[in-house]
Amino acid sequence: MPIVTGDTKVVEKGKGDGVLINTSGIGQVHSRARIHHRHVQSGDAIILSGPIAAHGIAVMSQRQGLQFETSIVTDSAPLAEPVLALVDRFGEGIRFVRDPTRGCLATTLNELALASGLGIDIHRSAIPIDEQVEGACEMLGLDPLYVANEGAFITVVDQNIAEDALALLKNFGQKQSSTNQHPPSSIGTITPDHPGKVILNSRIGGKRVVNHLPGEQLPRIC
C-alpha cells in the first residue's frame, strides 16, 4: 500500500522525540494523470489559481499584533477538487502542479526551472494579489513573491488547452465564492531561453532575475 508523506516541521529542542506524522495520502494514481516536471515543454502556459501572499501576511499580522486598515485573512483552502477537475477534463495536458506554500511563488518556479532545464518568463502585472496584502508587503519591506501561500497552486498546461483550463478554474472559483476579486490568471510561459532561470517582466517594462528565496523566509510559518 503506497503511503505518500510530505512537509516538514520545526519544533523546540527536546520536543520532537519519536516519529511525527503530519501529512499522509493513501489512494490510487489517476488514470489520465502525467504530472511531472519532465513533461513540461517550451511554450506551455503557467497558471496561478489565485492571489498570493495573503497567508504569510495574515500570520505575521497576528503574531506581531500589526493593524491594517482592512482585515487580512489567510487564503488557506482545500485544493483537491479544482486539481482533480483539471486532470479529469484535460488529462496529460496538465503537465505540472505544485502548491507554493512555504517555498513561495519564486522558489517554486525556480525549482521547476532547474528540474525541467527550461526557462520561465512571468509577468508581474498578471500575478494576482489583494491590494491590502500588497500594501502590507510594501510597508514591511517584503516581496510578495517570497511570502507563503496556503490556498493557491501553480499548474503548467499545454498551451493549446490553456484558455479552457483557465476558464474551468474561474468557473470553479465563482462557485466557491461570490466575492472572488482575483480569479485565476495565466502568469507566464515556459521558454527555451535562459534555461534554469526565472525572469520577471515588471509593470514598467523592465526585466529581472527572480532567484530562490535568499536566507530565512519571513514570516516563518512553521
C-alpha atoms as a PDB file:
ATOM      1  CA  MET A   1       0.000   0.000   0.000  1.00  0.00           C
ATOM      2  CA  PRO A   2       1.678   3.232  -1.105  1.00  0.00           C
ATOM      3  CA  ILE A   3       1.765   5.973   1.537  1.00  0.00           C
ATOM      4  CA  VAL A   4       2.782   9.455   0.480  1.00  0.00           C
ATOM      5  CA  THR A   5       4.006  11.880   3.118  1.00  0.00           C
ATOM      6  CA  GLY A   6       5.378  15.367   2.870  1.00  0.00           C
ATOM      7  CA  ASP A   7       6.077  18.668   4.607  1.00  0.00           C
ATOM      8  CA  THR A   8       8.453  19.267   7.493  1.00  0.00           C
ATOM      9  CA  LYS A   9       8.004  20.809  10.901  1.00  0.00           C
ATOM     10  CA  VAL A  10      10.449  22.597  13.170  1.00  0.00           C
ATOM     11  CA  VAL A  11       9.957  22.007  16.895  1.00  0.00           C
ATOM     12  CA  GLU A  12      11.806  23.071  20.014  1.00  0.00           C
ATOM     13  CA  LYS A  13      14.809  21.052  21.100  1.00  0.00           C
ATOM     14  CA  GLY A  14      13.719  18.016  23.069  1.00  0.00           C
ATOM     15  CA  LYS A  15      10.102  18.310  21.931  1.00  0.00           C
ATOM     16  CA  GLY A  16      10.406  16.179  18.800  1.00  0.00           C
ATOM     17  CA  ASP A  17      11.234  12.743  20.211  1.00  0.00           C
ATOM     18  CA  GLY A  18       9.793   9.878  18.196  1.00  0.00           C
ATOM     19  CA  VAL A  19       8.077   9.938  14.832  1.00  0.00           C
ATOM     20  CA  LEU A  20       5.726  12.800  13.938  1.00  0.00           C
ATOM     21  CA  ILE A  21       3.401  12.019  11.027  1.00  0.00           C
ATOM     22  CA  ASN A  22       1.749  15.236   9.917  1.00  0.00           C
ATOM     23  CA  THR A  23       0.586  14.582   6.356  1.00  0.00           C
ATOM     24  CA  SER A  24      -0.407  11.397   4.564  1.00  0.00           C
ATOM     25  CA  GLY A  25      -2.314  10.427   1.480  1.00  0.00           C
ATOM     26  CA  ILE A  26      -3.466   6.962   0.508  1.00  0.00           C
ATOM     27  CA  GLY A  27      -5.055   6.278  -2.842  1.00  0.00           C
ATOM     28  CA  GLN A  28      -4.659   5.429  -6.497  1.00  0.00           C
ATOM     29  CA  VAL A  29      -2.870   7.263  -9.282  1.00  0.00           C
ATOM     30  CA  HIS A  30      -5.307   8.993 -11.632  1.00  0.00           C
ATOM     31  CA  SER A  31      -5.507   7.019 -14.885  1.00  0.00           C
ATOM     32  CA  ARG A  32      -5.080  10.161 -17.035  1.00  0.00           C
ATOM     33  CA  ALA A  33      -2.505  11.969 -14.895  1.00  0.00           C
ATOM     34  CA  ARG A  34       1.002  12.586 -16.242  1.00  0.00           C
ATOM     35  CA  ILE A  35       2.051  15.266 -13.782  1.00  0.00           C
ATOM     36  CA  HIS A  36       5.826  15.584 -13.618  1.00  0.00           C
ATOM     37  CA  HIS A  37       8.408  18.253 -14.391  1.00  0.00           C
ATOM     38  CA  ARG A  38       9.858  16.078 -17.154  1.00  0.00           C
ATOM     39  CA  HIS A  39       6.636  16.543 -19.143  1.00  0.00           C
ATOM     40  CA  VAL A  40       6.915  20.345 -19.141  1.00  0.00           C
ATOM     41  CA  GLN A  41       7.561  21.718 -22.636  1.00  0.00           C
ATOM     42  CA  SER A  42       8.593  25.011 -24.190  1.00  0.00           C
ATOM     43  CA  GLY A  43       5.524  27.132 -24.901  1.00  0.00           C
ATOM     44  CA  ASP A  44       3.454  25.698 -22.041  1.00  0.00           C
ATOM     45  CA  ALA A  45       1.385  28.198 -20.064  1.00  0.00           C
ATOM     46  CA  ILE A  46       1.791  28.807 -16.334  1.00  0.00           C
ATOM     47  CA  ILE A  47      -1.470  29.350 -14.446  1.00  0.00           C
ATOM     48  CA  LEU A  48      -1.784  30.585 -10.875  1.00  0.00           C
ATOM     49  CA  SER A  49      -5.060  29.564  -9.248  1.00  0.00           C
ATOM     50  CA  GLY A  50      -5.474  32.623  -7.014  1.00  0.00           C
ATOM     51  CA  PRO A  51      -3.862  35.602  -5.248  1.00  0.00           C
ATOM     52  CA  ILE A  52      -0.548  35.215  -3.437  1.00  0.00           C
ATOM     53  CA  ALA A  53       0.991  36.232  -0.089  1.00  0.00           C
ATOM     54  CA  ALA A  54      -2.225  36.507   1.964  1.00  0.00           C
ATOM     55  CA  HIS A  55      -1.350  33.633   4.302  1.00  0.00           C
ATOM     56  CA  GLY A  56       2.111  34.866   5.232  1.00  0.00           C
ATOM     57  CA  ILE A  57       0.907  38.408   5.888  1.00  0.00           C
ATOM     58  CA  ALA A  58      -2.074  37.144   7.913  1.00  0.00           C
ATOM     59  CA  VAL A  59       0.251  35.040  10.088  1.00  0.00           C
ATOM     60  CA  MET A  60       2.681  37.929  10.598  1.00  0.00           C
ATOM     61  CA  SER A  61      -0.074  40.378  11.499  1.00  0.00           C
ATOM     62  CA  GLN A  62      -1.408  38.065  14.213  1.00  0.00           C
ATOM     63  CA  ARG A  63       1.996  37.199  15.641  1.00  0.00           C
ATOM     64  CA  GLN A  64       3.262  40.761  15.717  1.00  0.00           C
ATOM     65  CA  GLY A  65      -0.026  42.477  16.543  1.00  0.00           C
ATOM     66  CA  LEU A  66       0.049  44.523  13.342  1.00  0.00           C
ATOM     67  CA  GLN A  67      -3.032  46.533  12.489  1.00  0.00           C
ATOM     68  CA  PHE A  68      -4.047  47.317   8.923  1.00  0.00           C
ATOM     69  CA  GLU A  69      -6.916  49.409   7.555  1.00  0.00           C
ATOM     70  CA  THR A  70      -8.678  46.248   6.431  1.00  0.00           C
ATOM     71  CA  SER A  71      -8.623  42.726   7.809  1.00  0.00           C
ATOM     72  CA  ILE A  72      -6.138  40.416   6.077  1.00  0.00           C
ATOM     73  CA  VAL A  73      -7.107  36.758   6.285  1.00  0.00           C
ATOM     74  CA  THR A  74      -5.288  33.625   5.220  1.00  0.00           C
ATOM     75  CA  ASP A  75      -6.051  32.130   1.824  1.00  0.00           C
ATOM     76  CA  SER A  76      -5.992  28.602   3.299  1.00  0.00           C
ATOM     77  CA  ALA A  77      -8.283  26.349   1.262  1.00  0.00           C
ATOM     78  CA  PRO A  78      -8.526  22.737   0.046  1.00  0.00           C
ATOM     79  CA  LEU A  79      -7.151  22.312  -3.461  1.00  0.00           C
ATOM     80  CA  ALA A  80      -8.009  18.712  -4.304  1.00  0.00           C
ATOM     81  CA  GLU A  81     -11.272  19.439  -6.137  1.00  0.00           C
ATOM     82  CA  PRO A  82     -10.008  22.028  -8.661  1.00  0.00           C
ATOM     83  CA  VAL A  83      -6.888  19.963  -9.389  1.00  0.00           C
ATOM     84  CA  LEU A  84      -8.968  16.827  -9.896  1.00  0.00           C
ATOM     85  CA  ALA A  85     -11.334  18.746 -12.178  1.00  0.00           C
ATOM     86  CA  LEU A  86      -8.387  19.812 -14.335  1.00  0.00           C
ATOM     87  CA  VAL A  87      -6.994  16.300 -14.651  1.00  0.00           C
ATOM     88  CA  ASP A  88     -10.437  14.772 -15.247  1.00  0.00           C
ATOM     89  CA  ARG A  89     -11.041  17.080 -18.188  1.00  0.00           C
ATOM     90  CA  PHE A  90      -7.595  17.648 -19.688  1.00  0.00           C
ATOM     91  CA  GLY A  91      -5.589  14.565 -18.679  1.00  0.00           C
ATOM     92  CA  GLU A  92      -1.992  14.699 -19.843  1.00  0.00           C
ATOM     93  CA  GLY A  93      -2.480  18.308 -20.935  1.00  0.00           C
ATOM     94  CA  ILE A  94      -1.860  19.172 -17.273  1.00  0.00           C
ATOM     95  CA  ARG A  95       1.931  18.895 -17.160  1.00  0.00           C
ATOM     96  CA  PHE A  96       2.785  20.028 -13.644  1.00  0.00           C
ATOM     97  CA  VAL A  97       1.030  21.047 -10.405  1.00  0.00           C
ATOM     98  CA  ARG A  98       2.600  22.446  -7.242  1.00  0.00           C
ATOM     99  CA  ASP A  99       1.430  24.448  -4.243  1.00  0.00           C
ATOM    100  CA  PRO A 100       3.690  27.449  -3.465  1.00  0.00           C
ATOM    101  CA  THR A 101       3.428  27.181   0.309  1.00  0.00           C
ATOM    102  CA  ARG A 102       6.497  27.851   2.433  1.00  0.00           C
ATOM    103  CA  GLY A 103       8.561  27.704  -0.744  1.00  0.00           C
ATOM    104  CA  CYS A 104       6.596  30.722  -2.037  1.00  0.00           C
ATOM    105  CA  LEU A 105       5.942  31.508  -5.689  1.00  0.00           C
ATOM    106  CA  ALA A 106       9.512  32.498  -6.528  1.00  0.00           C
ATOM    107  CA  THR A 107      11.168  29.391  -5.102  1.00  0.00           C
ATOM    108  CA  THR A 108       8.574  27.024  -6.566  1.00  0.00           C
ATOM    109  CA  LEU A 109       9.114  28.431 -10.054  1.00  0.00           C
ATOM    110  CA  ASN A 110      12.890  28.260  -9.624  1.00  0.00           C
ATOM    111  CA  GLU A 111      12.679  24.614  -8.607  1.00  0.00           C
ATOM    112  CA  LEU A 112      10.626  23.909 -11.720  1.00  0.00           C
ATOM    113  CA  ALA A 113      13.069  25.753 -13.988  1.00  0.00           C
ATOM    114  CA  LEU A 114      16.050  23.841 -12.587  1.00  0.00           C
ATOM    115  CA  ALA A 115      14.294  20.464 -12.663  1.00  0.00           C
ATOM    116  CA  SER A 116      12.993  20.859 -16.213  1.00  0.00           C
ATOM    117  CA  GLY A 117      16.120  22.500 -17.628  1.00  0.00           C
ATOM    118  CA  LEU A 118      13.953  25.177 -19.237  1.00  0.00           C
ATOM    119  CA  GLY A 119      13.429  28.871 -18.600  1.00  0.00           C
ATOM    120  CA  ILE A 120      10.394  30.641 -17.191  1.00  0.00           C
ATOM    121  CA  ASP A 121       9.036  34.066 -18.108  1.00  0.00           C
ATOM    122  CA  ILE A 122       6.424  35.607 -15.809  1.00  0.00           C
ATOM    123  CA  HIS A 123       4.628  38.960 -15.829  1.00  0.00           C
ATOM    124  CA  ARG A 124       4.204  40.948 -12.611  1.00  0.00           C
ATOM    125  CA  SER A 125       1.025  42.603 -13.887  1.00  0.00           C
ATOM    126  CA  ALA A 126      -0.603  39.162 -14.311  1.00  0.00           C
ATOM    127  CA  ILE A 127       0.172  37.885 -10.794  1.00  0.00           C
ATOM    128  CA  PRO A 128      -2.958  38.320  -8.647  1.00  0.00           C
ATOM    129  CA  ILE A 129      -2.537  39.861  -5.207  1.00  0.00           C
ATOM    130  CA  ASP A 130      -5.032  41.621  -2.959  1.00  0.00           C
ATOM    131  CA  GLU A 131      -4.473  45.363  -2.710  1.00  0.00           C
ATOM    132  CA  GLN A 132      -4.262  45.347   1.091  1.00  0.00           C
ATOM    133  CA  VAL A 133      -1.788  42.446   1.056  1.00  0.00           C
ATOM    134  CA  GLU A 134       0.404  44.214  -1.482  1.00  0.00           C
ATOM    135  CA  GLY A 135       0.269  47.391   0.608  1.00  0.00           C
ATOM    136  CA  ALA A 136       1.267  45.467   3.738  1.00  0.00           C
ATOM    137  CA  CYS A 137       4.199  43.890   1.892  1.00  0.00           C
ATOM    138  CA  GLU A 138       5.401  47.333   0.787  1.00  0.00           C
ATOM    139  CA  MET A 139       5.096  48.700   4.320  1.00  0.00           C
ATOM    140  CA  LEU A 140       7.014  45.742   5.791  1.00  0.00           C
ATOM    141  CA  GLY A 141       9.638  45.598   3.045  1.00  0.00           C
ATOM    142  CA  LEU A 142       8.580  42.143   1.866  1.00  0.00           C
ATOM    143  CA  ASP A 143       8.447  40.902  -1.718  1.00  0.00           C
ATOM    144  CA  PRO A 144       5.108  39.066  -2.187  1.00  0.00           C
ATOM    145  CA  LEU A 145       6.870  36.585  -4.473  1.00  0.00           C
ATOM    146  CA  TYR A 146       8.658  35.319  -1.340  1.00  0.00           C
ATOM    147  CA  VAL A 147       5.688  35.222   1.051  1.00  0.00           C
ATOM    148  CA  ALA A 148       3.940  31.928   1.917  1.00  0.00           C
ATOM    149  CA  ASN A 149       0.603  30.799   0.475  1.00  0.00           C
ATOM    150  CA  GLU A 150      -1.790  28.082   1.613  1.00  0.00           C
ATOM    151  CA  GLY A 151      -4.730  28.210  -0.778  1.00  0.00           C
ATOM    152  CA  ALA A 152      -3.214  28.611  -4.229  1.00  0.00           C
ATOM    153  CA  PHE A 153      -1.475  26.314  -6.669  1.00  0.00           C
ATOM    154  CA  ILE A 154       0.599  26.632  -9.820  1.00  0.00           C
ATOM    155  CA  THR A 155      -0.140  24.475 -12.821  1.00  0.00           C
ATOM    156  CA  VAL A 156       1.717  24.235 -16.111  1.00  0.00           C
ATOM    157  CA  VAL A 157      -0.543  23.275 -19.002  1.00  0.00           C
ATOM    158  CA  ASP A 158      -0.310  22.609 -22.713  1.00  0.00           C
ATOM    159  CA  GLN A 159      -0.656  25.960 -24.476  1.00  0.00           C
ATOM    160  CA  ASN A 160      -3.460  24.528 -26.634  1.00  0.00           C
ATOM    161  CA  ILE A 161      -5.726  23.991 -23.631  1.00  0.00           C
ATOM    162  CA  ALA A 162      -4.581  26.966 -21.550  1.00  0.00           C
ATOM    163  CA  GLU A 163      -7.661  29.137 -22.161  1.00  0.00           C
ATOM    164  CA  ASP A 164     -10.048  26.279 -21.419  1.00  0.00           C
ATOM    165  CA  ALA A 165      -8.140  25.309 -18.266  1.00  0.00           C
ATOM    166  CA  LEU A 166      -8.220  28.910 -17.083  1.00  0.00           C
ATOM    167  CA  ALA A 167     -11.951  29.137 -17.770  1.00  0.00           C
ATOM    168  CA  LEU A 168     -12.575  25.934 -15.807  1.00  0.00           C
ATOM    169  CA  LEU A 169     -10.706  27.295 -12.783  1.00  0.00           C
ATOM    170  CA  LYS A 170     -12.503  30.634 -12.994  1.00  0.00           C
ATOM    171  CA  ASN A 171     -15.899  28.913 -13.074  1.00  0.00           C
ATOM    172  CA  PHE A 172     -14.863  26.709 -10.180  1.00  0.00           C
ATOM    173  CA  GLY A 173     -13.787  29.732  -8.140  1.00  0.00           C
ATOM    174  CA  GLN A 174     -17.047  31.565  -8.801  1.00  0.00           C
ATOM    175  CA  LYS A 175     -18.979  28.598  -7.455  1.00  0.00           C
ATOM    176  CA  GLN A 176     -16.833  28.590  -4.325  1.00  0.00           C
ATOM    177  CA  SER A 177     -17.040  32.342  -3.602  1.00  0.00           C
ATOM    178  CA  SER A 178     -19.345  35.159  -4.633  1.00  0.00           C
ATOM    179  CA  THR A 179     -16.684  37.731  -3.711  1.00  0.00           C
ATOM    180  CA  ASN A 180     -13.896  36.436  -5.935  1.00  0.00           C
ATOM    181  CA  GLN A 181     -11.923  39.607  -6.662  1.00  0.00           C
ATOM    182  CA  HIS A 182      -8.863  37.856  -8.024  1.00  0.00           C
ATOM    183  CA  PRO A 183      -9.692  34.936 -10.307  1.00  0.00           C
ATOM    184  CA  PRO A 184      -7.047  32.514 -11.603  1.00  0.00           C
ATOM    185  CA  SER A 185      -4.571  34.056 -14.000  1.00  0.00           C
ATOM    186  CA  SER A 186      -2.126  32.995 -16.688  1.00  0.00           C
ATOM    187  CA  ILE A 187       1.089  34.496 -15.347  1.00  0.00           C
ATOM    188  CA  GLY A 188       3.727  33.344 -17.819  1.00  0.00           C
ATOM    189  CA  THR A 189       5.189  30.739 -20.130  1.00  0.00           C
ATOM    190  CA  ILE A 190       7.876  28.091 -20.344  1.00  0.00           C
ATOM    191  CA  THR A 191      10.701  29.085 -22.683  1.00  0.00           C
ATOM    192  CA  PRO A 192      13.884  27.511 -24.059  1.00  0.00           C
ATOM    193  CA  ASP A 193      15.652  30.812 -23.353  1.00  0.00           C
ATOM    194  CA  HIS A 194      17.688  31.306 -20.143  1.00  0.00           C
ATOM    195  CA  PRO A 195      17.356  27.630 -19.025  1.00  0.00           C
ATOM    196  CA  GLY A 196      17.136  27.123 -15.284  1.00  0.00           C
ATOM    197  CA  LYS A 197      16.213  30.758 -14.620  1.00  0.00           C
ATOM    198  CA  VAL A 198      13.014  32.668 -13.863  1.00  0.00           C
ATOM    199  CA  ILE A 199      12.695  36.115 -15.453  1.00  0.00           C
ATOM    200  CA  LEU A 200      10.114  38.616 -14.219  1.00  0.00           C
ATOM    201  CA  ASN A 201       8.740  41.236 -16.598  1.00  0.00           C
ATOM    202  CA  SER A 202       7.908  44.241 -14.438  1.00  0.00           C
ATOM    203  CA  ARG A 203       4.909  46.546 -14.720  1.00  0.00           C
ATOM    204  CA  ILE A 204       7.095  49.291 -16.219  1.00  0.00           C
ATOM    205  CA  GLY A 205       8.672  47.097 -18.877  1.00  0.00           C
ATOM    206  CA  GLY A 206      11.884  46.066 -17.131  1.00  0.00           C
ATOM    207  CA  LYS A 207      13.200  42.571 -16.553  1.00  0.00           C
ATOM    208  CA  ARG A 208      14.884  40.974 -13.551  1.00  0.00           C
ATOM    209  CA  VAL A 209      16.019  37.545 -12.485  1.00  0.00           C
ATOM    210  CA  VAL A 210      13.870  36.011  -9.750  1.00  0.00           C
ATOM    211  CA  ASN A 211      16.138  33.899  -7.567  1.00  0.00           C
ATOM    212  CA  HIS A 212      15.492  31.274  -4.927  1.00  0.00           C
ATOM    213  CA  LEU A 213      14.491  32.621  -1.541  1.00  0.00           C
ATOM    214  CA  PRO A 214      17.671  34.103  -0.041  1.00  0.00           C
ATOM    215  CA  GLY A 215      18.003  33.159   3.617  1.00  0.00           C
ATOM    216  CA  GLU A 216      15.089  32.775   6.022  1.00  0.00           C
ATOM    217  CA  GLN A 217      11.506  33.166   4.893  1.00  0.00           C
ATOM    218  CA  LEU A 218       9.577  35.840   6.750  1.00  0.00           C
ATOM    219  CA  PRO A 219       7.348  35.249   8.485  1.00  0.00           C
ATOM    220  CA  ARG A 220       8.417  31.733   9.383  1.00  0.00           C
ATOM    221  CA  ILE A 221       5.263  29.649   9.115  1.00  0.00           C
ATOM    222  CA  CYS A 222       6.346  26.531  10.983  1.00  0.00           C
END
